[in-house]
Structures are given as C-alpha cells and as structure tokens.
Amino acid sequence: MKYRVRVIPKAKRPEVMMQPDGSLRVKVDVPADKGKANRRLIEILAMHFDVSKRTISIMQGAKGREKMVEIG
C-alpha cells in the first residue's frame, strides 16, 4: 500500500496522524541530518502498522519532507 507522507523532524515525541485526504503526517523525534529522520520514519511506521522495517521503502522524496512511502 502506498501513502503520501509529510514528515515533521525534531518533534518532542514520535506520532503518526492520518489526514482526511488519506495521507499521513508523521512527527519524528530526530533532526533531518544524514538520513536520520528517514531511518526513524521507517521505524515509526513499522511500529504503527505492525510490520517489519524491511517491508517499508521510501519511493520518492528521500531528501524532502513530502515523501511517497510503500508498505508491504
């Protein structure tokens, strides 16, 4: 399944919020530095959807806040 994801780095605590349009807004608790936020995003989504981290991949937007993520 594919999701459009908006990432908010350096949040106080991680959180996944479903938006009315079906996209996700994800707060990550690390800065966007050298891929740290992307790795944490995958960890947070894996916990939220109860899947393995290996099943999640960032399809587009690896260097921006707007991403297309595939799960499964």
C-alpha atoms as a PDB file:
ATOM      1  CA  MET A   1       0.000   0.000   0.000  1.00  0.00           C
ATOM      2  CA  LYS A   2       1.318   3.482  -0.846  1.00  0.00           C
ATOM      3  CA  TYR A   3       0.968   6.558   1.334  1.00  0.00           C
ATOM      4  CA  ARG A   4       1.811  10.202   0.859  1.00  0.00           C
ATOM      5  CA  VAL A   5       3.718  11.247   3.982  1.00  0.00           C
ATOM      6  CA  ARG A   6       4.537  14.677   5.409  1.00  0.00           C
ATOM      7  CA  VAL A   7       7.440  14.435   7.881  1.00  0.00           C
ATOM      8  CA  ILE A   8       7.957  16.860  10.763  1.00  0.00           C
ATOM      9  CA  PRO A   9      11.526  16.457  12.140  1.00  0.00           C
ATOM     10  CA  LYS A  10      12.744  17.335  15.665  1.00  0.00           C
ATOM     11  CA  ALA A  11       9.362  16.797  17.319  1.00  0.00           C
ATOM     12  CA  LYS A  12       9.148  16.228  21.068  1.00  0.00           C
ATOM     13  CA  ARG A  13       7.718  12.747  20.579  1.00  0.00           C
ATOM     14  CA  PRO A  14       7.016  10.498  17.582  1.00  0.00           C
ATOM     15  CA  GLU A  15       3.446  10.434  16.309  1.00  0.00           C
ATOM     16  CA  VAL A  16       1.523   9.214  13.244  1.00  0.00           C
ATOM     17  CA  MET A  17      -1.609  11.133  12.241  1.00  0.00           C
ATOM     18  CA  MET A  18      -3.972  10.130   9.449  1.00  0.00           C
ATOM     19  CA  GLN A  19      -5.125  13.146   7.433  1.00  0.00           C
ATOM     20  CA  PRO A  20      -8.647  13.486   5.954  1.00  0.00           C
ATOM     21  CA  ASP A  21      -7.262  13.036   2.426  1.00  0.00           C
ATOM     22  CA  GLY A  22      -5.733   9.648   3.322  1.00  0.00           C
ATOM     23  CA  SER A  23      -2.157  10.879   3.636  1.00  0.00           C
ATOM     24  CA  LEU A  24      -0.057  10.571   6.783  1.00  0.00           C
ATOM     25  CA  ARG A  25       1.572  13.255   8.896  1.00  0.00           C
ATOM     26  CA  VAL A  26       4.447  11.800  10.896  1.00  0.00           C
ATOM     27  CA  LYS A  27       6.382  13.530  13.655  1.00  0.00           C
ATOM     28  CA  VAL A  28       9.888  12.142  14.159  1.00  0.00           C
ATOM     29  CA  ASP A  29      11.985  12.883  17.221  1.00  0.00           C
ATOM     30  CA  VAL A  30      15.337  13.292  15.443  1.00  0.00           C
ATOM     31  CA  PRO A  31      16.723  16.025  13.164  1.00  0.00           C
ATOM     32  CA  ALA A  32      16.753  15.684   9.385  1.00  0.00           C
ATOM     33  CA  ASP A  33      20.503  15.106   9.203  1.00  0.00           C
ATOM     34  CA  LYS A  34      22.322  12.477   7.129  1.00  0.00           C
ATOM     35  CA  GLY A  35      19.238  10.268   6.759  1.00  0.00           C
ATOM     36  CA  LYS A  36      18.451  10.026  10.480  1.00  0.00           C
ATOM     37  CA  ALA A  37      14.873  11.240  10.016  1.00  0.00           C
ATOM     38  CA  ASN A  38      14.262   8.762   7.175  1.00  0.00           C
ATOM     39  CA  ARG A  39      15.513   5.841   9.263  1.00  0.00           C
ATOM     40  CA  ARG A  40      13.390   6.950  12.225  1.00  0.00           C
ATOM     41  CA  LEU A  41      10.373   7.422   9.921  1.00  0.00           C
ATOM     42  CA  ILE A  42      10.658   3.797   8.817  1.00  0.00           C
ATOM     43  CA  GLU A  43      10.919   2.637  12.458  1.00  0.00           C
ATOM     44  CA  ILE A  44       7.855   4.658  13.479  1.00  0.00           C
ATOM     45  CA  LEU A  45       5.766   3.445  10.531  1.00  0.00           C
ATOM     46  CA  ALA A  46       6.819  -0.174  11.182  1.00  0.00           C
ATOM     47  CA  MET A  47       5.598   0.105  14.774  1.00  0.00           C
ATOM     48  CA  HIS A  48       2.393   1.905  13.763  1.00  0.00           C
ATOM     49  CA  PHE A  49       1.404  -0.617  11.069  1.00  0.00           C
ATOM     50  CA  ASP A  50       2.894  -3.604  12.959  1.00  0.00           C
ATOM     51  CA  VAL A  51       5.112  -4.705  10.068  1.00  0.00           C
ATOM     52  CA  SER A  52       8.809  -5.360   9.597  1.00  0.00           C
ATOM     53  CA  LYS A  53      11.054  -2.402   8.750  1.00  0.00           C
ATOM     54  CA  ARG A  54      12.192  -4.300   5.639  1.00  0.00           C
ATOM     55  CA  THR A  55       8.690  -4.075   4.150  1.00  0.00           C
ATOM     56  CA  ILE A  56       8.738  -0.250   4.155  1.00  0.00           C
ATOM     57  CA  SER A  57      10.506   1.755   1.466  1.00  0.00           C
ATOM     58  CA  ILE A  58      10.665   5.416   0.545  1.00  0.00           C
ATOM     59  CA  MET A  59       9.711   5.575  -3.138  1.00  0.00           C
ATOM     60  CA  GLN A  60      10.039   9.340  -3.665  1.00  0.00           C
ATOM     61  CA  GLY A  61      11.177  12.357  -1.697  1.00  0.00           C
ATOM     62  CA  ALA A  62      14.047  10.910   0.311  1.00  0.00           C
ATOM     63  CA  LYS A  63      15.584  14.391   0.647  1.00  0.00           C
ATOM     64  CA  GLY A  64      12.395  16.357   1.290  1.00  0.00           C
ATOM     65  CA  ARG A  65       9.578  16.499   3.811  1.00  0.00           C
ATOM     66  CA  GLU A  66       6.967  15.241   1.337  1.00  0.00           C
ATOM     67  CA  LYS A  67       7.504  11.547   0.625  1.00  0.00           C
ATOM     68  CA  MET A  68       5.808   8.633  -1.081  1.00  0.00           C
ATOM     69  CA  VAL A  69       6.169   5.519   1.095  1.00  0.00           C
ATOM     70  CA  GLU A  70       5.285   1.959   0.163  1.00  0.00           C
ATOM     71  CA  ILE A  71       4.352  -0.522   2.872  1.00  0.00           C
ATOM     72  CA  GLY A  72       4.268  -4.184   2.046  1.00  0.00           C
END
